[in-house]
Amino acid sequence: MIIQCPNCSARYRIDASKINREVARVKCPKCQSGFEVRLRARQSADQKSGTHGSCGRRSKVVVVDDARFFREVVLDILQPLDIEIFKAGDGAEALEVIRREVPDLVILDLKLPRMDGYQLIRAIRSDPAIRNTRLLAMSSVFRGEEEARKVTLAGADDFLNKSFRPEHLLQRVNRLLDS
């Protein structure tokens, strides 16, 4: 799990699986300040089971971003959901993973190497085997509602600015998996 010190903004990884509490007290190795970290979020029955809708199987989610750190942040946020998660670092790799796994949801950055997010969205929507996959597009360069409209017109189901709060991402993911 990646955490950030609220005092000095240093980021580092902790292994939350070895801590059997919902909240842990952490001391920042950089500035020595102490702070609390929530390790386990309260989960609904659907979140615990990882099933959404009526299919009765674990949902599959593909996270696509060329920034490894950001992929890890998203994976940490999605950890409370009992879902299968696959990763890809560029659009072309993502398309291979999506065609192989046929996920329920793809969370994708719009700025990707080899095939950008818009091209990836068009490729998914034009392939009958994967066209019904839910798509959550994200960008760190948010230019207002016009950008969100452009993304949905391209075929994405939803758009989220990368400066999101973790609970907003979880809300969107749950809504898209349940629809």
C-alpha atoms as a PDB file:
ATOM      1  CA  MET A   1       0.000   0.000   0.000  1.00  0.00           C
ATOM      2  CA  ILE A   2       1.362   3.437  -0.906  1.00  0.00           C
ATOM      3  CA  ILE A   3       0.910   6.104   1.752  1.00  0.00           C
ATOM      4  CA  GLN A   4       1.795   9.788   1.917  1.00  0.00           C
ATOM      5  CA  CYS A   5       2.911  11.728   4.960  1.00  0.00           C
ATOM      6  CA  PRO A   6       0.478  14.608   5.589  1.00  0.00           C
ATOM      7  CA  ASN A   7       3.318  16.707   7.022  1.00  0.00           C
ATOM      8  CA  CYS A   8       6.131  16.487   4.433  1.00  0.00           C
ATOM      9  CA  SER A   9       4.282  14.749   1.537  1.00  0.00           C
ATOM     10  CA  ALA A  10       6.861  11.937   1.352  1.00  0.00           C
ATOM     11  CA  ARG A  11       5.426   8.809  -0.261  1.00  0.00           C
ATOM     12  CA  TYR A  12       6.400   5.268   0.546  1.00  0.00           C
ATOM     13  CA  ARG A  13       5.069   1.735   0.556  1.00  0.00           C
ATOM     14  CA  ILE A  14       3.963  -0.296   3.568  1.00  0.00           C
ATOM     15  CA  ASP A  15       2.826  -3.913   3.660  1.00  0.00           C
ATOM     16  CA  ALA A  16      -0.709  -3.611   5.055  1.00  0.00           C
ATOM     17  CA  SER A  17      -1.271  -7.376   4.900  1.00  0.00           C
ATOM     18  CA  LYS A  18       0.932  -7.821   7.988  1.00  0.00           C
ATOM     19  CA  ILE A  19      -1.135  -5.444  10.117  1.00  0.00           C
ATOM     20  CA  ASN A  20      -4.372  -6.817  11.597  1.00  0.00           C
ATOM     21  CA  ARG A  21      -6.033  -3.495  12.350  1.00  0.00           C
ATOM     22  CA  GLU A  22      -8.313  -1.145  10.462  1.00  0.00           C
ATOM     23  CA  VAL A  23      -6.203   1.895  11.375  1.00  0.00           C
ATOM     24  CA  ALA A  24      -2.449   1.944  12.044  1.00  0.00           C
ATOM     25  CA  ARG A  25      -0.210   4.625  13.507  1.00  0.00           C
ATOM     26  CA  VAL A  26       2.795   5.289  11.223  1.00  0.00           C
ATOM     27  CA  LYS A  27       5.970   7.311  11.758  1.00  0.00           C
ATOM     28  CA  CYS A  28       7.339   9.027   8.647  1.00  0.00           C
ATOM     29  CA  PRO A  29      10.987   8.034   8.088  1.00  0.00           C
ATOM     30  CA  LYS A  30      11.721  11.413   6.483  1.00  0.00           C
ATOM     31  CA  CYS A  31      10.278  13.977   8.918  1.00  0.00           C
ATOM     32  CA  GLN A  32       9.608  11.695  11.906  1.00  0.00           C
ATOM     33  CA  SER A  33       6.008  12.918  12.283  1.00  0.00           C
ATOM     34  CA  GLY A  34       3.393  10.382  13.334  1.00  0.00           C
ATOM     35  CA  PHE A  35       0.023   9.948  11.602  1.00  0.00           C
ATOM     36  CA  GLU A  36      -2.789   7.417  11.213  1.00  0.00           C
ATOM     37  CA  VAL A  37      -3.448   5.355   8.092  1.00  0.00           C
ATOM     38  CA  ARG A  38      -6.722   3.560   7.344  1.00  0.00           C
ATOM     39  CA  LEU A  39      -5.779   0.040   6.225  1.00  0.00           C
ATOM     40  CA  ARG A  40      -9.096  -1.683   5.737  1.00  0.00           C
ATOM     41  CA  ALA A  41     -12.157   0.125   4.497  1.00  0.00           C
ATOM     42  CA  ARG A  42     -15.613  -0.965   5.537  1.00  0.00           C
ATOM     43  CA  GLN A  43     -17.025  -3.072   2.752  1.00  0.00           C
ATOM     44  CA  SER A  44     -20.499  -3.869   1.552  1.00  0.00           C
ATOM     45  CA  ALA A  45     -21.448  -7.501   0.970  1.00  0.00           C
ATOM     46  CA  ASP A  46     -21.027  -7.047  -2.798  1.00  0.00           C
ATOM     47  CA  GLN A  47     -17.585  -5.494  -2.346  1.00  0.00           C
ATOM     48  CA  LYS A  48     -16.453  -8.358  -0.124  1.00  0.00           C
ATOM     49  CA  SER A  49     -17.637 -10.982  -2.549  1.00  0.00           C
ATOM     50  CA  GLY A  50     -16.281  -9.148  -5.589  1.00  0.00           C
ATOM     51  CA  THR A  51     -19.448  -9.941  -7.510  1.00  0.00           C
ATOM     52  CA  HIS A  52     -21.423  -7.225  -9.189  1.00  0.00           C
ATOM     53  CA  GLY A  53     -24.718  -7.595 -10.934  1.00  0.00           C
ATOM     54  CA  SER A  54     -26.121 -11.090 -11.233  1.00  0.00           C
ATOM     55  CA  CYS A  55     -23.260 -12.931 -12.945  1.00  0.00           C
ATOM     56  CA  GLY A  56     -22.007 -14.552  -9.694  1.00  0.00           C
ATOM     57  CA  ARG A  57     -18.308 -14.455 -10.714  1.00  0.00           C
ATOM     58  CA  ARG A  58     -15.518 -12.136  -9.644  1.00  0.00           C
ATOM     59  CA  SER A  59     -15.399  -8.979 -11.720  1.00  0.00           C
ATOM     60  CA  LYS A  60     -12.360  -8.378 -13.906  1.00  0.00           C
ATOM     61  CA  VAL A  61     -10.784  -4.917 -14.117  1.00  0.00           C
ATOM     62  CA  VAL A  62      -7.884  -3.772 -16.297  1.00  0.00           C
ATOM     63  CA  VAL A  63      -5.886  -0.715 -15.146  1.00  0.00           C
ATOM     64  CA  VAL A  64      -4.041   1.018 -17.995  1.00  0.00           C
ATOM     65  CA  ASP A  65      -1.489   3.741 -17.332  1.00  0.00           C
ATOM     66  CA  ASP A  66       2.091   4.261 -18.475  1.00  0.00           C
ATOM     67  CA  ALA A  67       3.038   5.567 -15.010  1.00  0.00           C
ATOM     68  CA  ARG A  68       3.789   2.515 -12.867  1.00  0.00           C
ATOM     69  CA  PHE A  69       3.362   4.526  -9.660  1.00  0.00           C
ATOM     70  CA  PHE A  70      -0.140   5.637 -10.668  1.00  0.00           C
ATOM     71  CA  ARG A  71      -1.113   2.055 -11.562  1.00  0.00           C
ATOM     72  CA  GLU A  72       0.021   1.005  -8.074  1.00  0.00           C
ATOM     73  CA  VAL A  73      -1.998   3.815  -6.454  1.00  0.00           C
ATOM     74  CA  VAL A  74      -5.143   2.687  -8.304  1.00  0.00           C
ATOM     75  CA  LEU A  75      -4.476  -0.952  -7.343  1.00  0.00           C
ATOM     76  CA  ASP A  76      -4.137   0.065  -3.687  1.00  0.00           C
ATOM     77  CA  ILE A  77      -7.430   1.960  -3.821  1.00  0.00           C
ATOM     78  CA  LEU A  78      -9.214  -0.991  -5.450  1.00  0.00           C
ATOM     79  CA  GLN A  79      -7.751  -3.499  -2.966  1.00  0.00           C
ATOM     80  CA  PRO A  80     -10.865  -3.604  -0.728  1.00  0.00           C
ATOM     81  CA  LEU A  81     -12.856  -4.905  -3.697  1.00  0.00           C
ATOM     82  CA  ASP A  82     -12.443  -8.628  -4.233  1.00  0.00           C
ATOM     83  CA  ILE A  83     -11.904  -8.320  -7.992  1.00  0.00           C
ATOM     84  CA  GLU A  84      -9.400  -9.697 -10.467  1.00  0.00           C
ATOM     85  CA  ILE A  85      -7.087  -6.893 -11.571  1.00  0.00           C
ATOM     86  CA  PHE A  86      -4.874  -6.868 -14.645  1.00  0.00           C
ATOM     87  CA  LYS A  87      -2.361  -4.152 -15.561  1.00  0.00           C
ATOM     88  CA  ALA A  88      -1.047  -2.679 -18.795  1.00  0.00           C
ATOM     89  CA  GLY A  89       1.495   0.078 -19.404  1.00  0.00           C
ATOM     90  CA  ASP A  90       0.425   1.232 -22.863  1.00  0.00           C
ATOM     91  CA  GLY A  91      -2.558   1.116 -25.209  1.00  0.00           C
ATOM     92  CA  ALA A  92      -1.344  -1.743 -27.404  1.00  0.00           C
ATOM     93  CA  GLU A  93      -0.542  -3.964 -24.423  1.00  0.00           C
ATOM     94  CA  ALA A  94      -3.924  -3.047 -22.914  1.00  0.00           C
ATOM     95  CA  LEU A  95      -5.781  -4.131 -26.041  1.00  0.00           C
ATOM     96  CA  GLU A  96      -4.047  -7.530 -25.907  1.00  0.00           C
ATOM     97  CA  VAL A  97      -4.955  -7.973 -22.226  1.00  0.00           C
ATOM     98  CA  ILE A  98      -8.552  -6.826 -22.825  1.00  0.00           C
ATOM     99  CA  ARG A  99      -9.039  -9.233 -25.746  1.00  0.00           C
ATOM    100  CA  ARG A 100      -7.556 -12.107 -23.714  1.00  0.00           C
ATOM    101  CA  GLU A 101      -9.367 -11.466 -20.404  1.00  0.00           C
ATOM    102  CA  VAL A 102     -12.613  -9.794 -21.583  1.00  0.00           C
ATOM    103  CA  PRO A 103     -12.894  -7.635 -18.440  1.00  0.00           C
ATOM    104  CA  ASP A 104     -15.990  -6.032 -16.986  1.00  0.00           C
ATOM    105  CA  LEU A 105     -14.237  -2.664 -16.636  1.00  0.00           C
ATOM    106  CA  VAL A 106     -11.178  -0.897 -18.029  1.00  0.00           C
ATOM    107  CA  ILE A 107      -9.729   2.101 -16.192  1.00  0.00           C
ATOM    108  CA  LEU A 108      -7.535   3.928 -18.690  1.00  0.00           C
ATOM    109  CA  ASP A 109      -5.384   7.009 -18.970  1.00  0.00           C
ATOM    110  CA  LEU A 110      -5.975   9.087 -22.088  1.00  0.00           C
ATOM    111  CA  LYS A 111      -2.268   9.815 -22.633  1.00  0.00           C
ATOM    112  CA  LEU A 112      -0.671   6.464 -23.413  1.00  0.00           C
ATOM    113  CA  PRO A 113       2.290   5.410 -25.564  1.00  0.00           C
ATOM    114  CA  ARG A 114       1.875   3.217 -28.680  1.00  0.00           C
ATOM    115  CA  MET A 115      -1.913   3.759 -28.747  1.00  0.00           C
ATOM    116  CA  ASP A 116      -3.502   6.683 -26.903  1.00  0.00           C
ATOM    117  CA  GLY A 117      -6.641   6.384 -24.792  1.00  0.00           C
ATOM    118  CA  TYR A 118      -8.959   7.649 -27.542  1.00  0.00           C
ATOM    119  CA  GLN A 119      -7.589   5.078 -30.001  1.00  0.00           C
ATOM    120  CA  LEU A 120      -7.947   2.362 -27.365  1.00  0.00           C
ATOM    121  CA  ILE A 121     -11.567   3.346 -26.699  1.00  0.00           C
ATOM    122  CA  ARG A 122     -12.349   3.222 -30.440  1.00  0.00           C
ATOM    123  CA  ALA A 123     -10.623  -0.170 -30.808  1.00  0.00           C
ATOM    124  CA  ILE A 124     -12.633  -1.611 -27.901  1.00  0.00           C
ATOM    125  CA  ARG A 125     -15.942  -0.223 -29.167  1.00  0.00           C
ATOM    126  CA  SER A 126     -15.318  -1.553 -32.692  1.00  0.00           C
ATOM    127  CA  ASP A 127     -14.552  -5.139 -31.552  1.00  0.00           C
ATOM    128  CA  PRO A 128     -17.781  -7.167 -31.071  1.00  0.00           C
ATOM    129  CA  ALA A 129     -16.138  -9.471 -28.495  1.00  0.00           C
ATOM    130  CA  ILE A 130     -15.276  -6.620 -26.100  1.00  0.00           C
ATOM    131  CA  ARG A 131     -17.475  -3.680 -27.122  1.00  0.00           C
ATOM    132  CA  ASN A 132     -19.706  -3.994 -24.039  1.00  0.00           C
ATOM    133  CA  THR A 133     -16.782  -3.557 -21.629  1.00  0.00           C
ATOM    134  CA  ARG A 134     -17.315  -0.578 -19.329  1.00  0.00           C
ATOM    135  CA  LEU A 135     -14.688   2.164 -19.756  1.00  0.00           C
ATOM    136  CA  LEU A 136     -13.574   4.702 -17.151  1.00  0.00           C
ATOM    137  CA  ALA A 137     -11.215   7.220 -18.778  1.00  0.00           C
ATOM    138  CA  MET A 138      -8.889   9.382 -16.697  1.00  0.00           C
ATOM    139  CA  SER A 139      -6.620  12.318 -17.407  1.00  0.00           C
ATOM    140  CA  SER A 140      -4.330  14.550 -15.399  1.00  0.00           C
ATOM    141  CA  VAL A 141      -4.900  17.318 -17.945  1.00  0.00           C
ATOM    142  CA  PHE A 142      -8.533  18.152 -17.238  1.00  0.00           C
ATOM    143  CA  ARG A 143      -9.933  20.985 -19.303  1.00  0.00           C
ATOM    144  CA  GLY A 144     -13.434  21.077 -17.839  1.00  0.00           C
ATOM    145  CA  GLU A 145     -16.715  19.622 -18.946  1.00  0.00           C
ATOM    146  CA  GLU A 146     -15.715  19.828 -22.626  1.00  0.00           C
ATOM    147  CA  GLU A 147     -13.033  17.179 -22.032  1.00  0.00           C
ATOM    148  CA  ALA A 148     -15.527  14.901 -20.257  1.00  0.00           C
ATOM    149  CA  ARG A 149     -18.010  15.348 -23.116  1.00  0.00           C
ATOM    150  CA  LYS A 150     -15.310  14.559 -25.705  1.00  0.00           C
ATOM    151  CA  VAL A 151     -14.363  11.357 -23.855  1.00  0.00           C
ATOM    152  CA  THR A 152     -17.947  10.133 -23.565  1.00  0.00           C
ATOM    153  CA  LEU A 153     -18.568  10.939 -27.238  1.00  0.00           C
ATOM    154  CA  ALA A 154     -15.519   8.810 -28.056  1.00  0.00           C
ATOM    155  CA  GLY A 155     -17.205   5.885 -26.278  1.00  0.00           C
ATOM    156  CA  ALA A 156     -16.118   5.963 -22.631  1.00  0.00           C
ATOM    157  CA  ASP A 157     -18.810   5.309 -20.021  1.00  0.00           C
ATOM    158  CA  ASP A 158     -17.374   7.794 -17.543  1.00  0.00           C
ATOM    159  CA  PHE A 159     -14.508  10.228 -17.008  1.00  0.00           C
ATOM    160  CA  LEU A 160     -12.525  11.046 -13.869  1.00  0.00           C
ATOM    161  CA  ASN A 161      -9.824  13.638 -13.346  1.00  0.00           C
ATOM    162  CA  LYS A 162      -6.645  12.030 -11.953  1.00  0.00           C
ATOM    163  CA  SER A 163      -6.714  14.326  -8.946  1.00  0.00           C
ATOM    164  CA  PHE A 164      -9.638  12.274  -7.610  1.00  0.00           C
ATOM    165  CA  ARG A 165     -10.290  11.270  -4.026  1.00  0.00           C
ATOM    166  CA  PRO A 166     -10.052   7.495  -3.413  1.00  0.00           C
ATOM    167  CA  GLU A 167     -13.721   7.252  -2.435  1.00  0.00           C
ATOM    168  CA  HIS A 168     -14.738   8.871  -5.743  1.00  0.00           C
ATOM    169  CA  LEU A 169     -12.826   6.243  -7.711  1.00  0.00           C
ATOM    170  CA  LEU A 170     -14.421   3.451  -5.655  1.00  0.00           C
ATOM    171  CA  GLN A 171     -17.891   4.953  -6.242  1.00  0.00           C
ATOM    172  CA  ARG A 172     -17.357   5.119  -9.986  1.00  0.00           C
ATOM    173  CA  VAL A 173     -15.915   1.614 -10.184  1.00  0.00           C
ATOM    174  CA  ASN A 174     -18.783   0.124  -8.176  1.00  0.00           C
ATOM    175  CA  ARG A 175     -21.383   1.988 -10.246  1.00  0.00           C
ATOM    176  CA  LEU A 176     -19.854   0.877 -13.540  1.00  0.00           C
ATOM    177  CA  LEU A 177     -19.505  -2.735 -12.398  1.00  0.00           C
ATOM    178  CA  ASP A 178     -23.124  -2.786 -11.197  1.00  0.00           C
ATOM    179  CA  SER A 179     -24.552  -1.332 -14.423  1.00  0.00           C
END
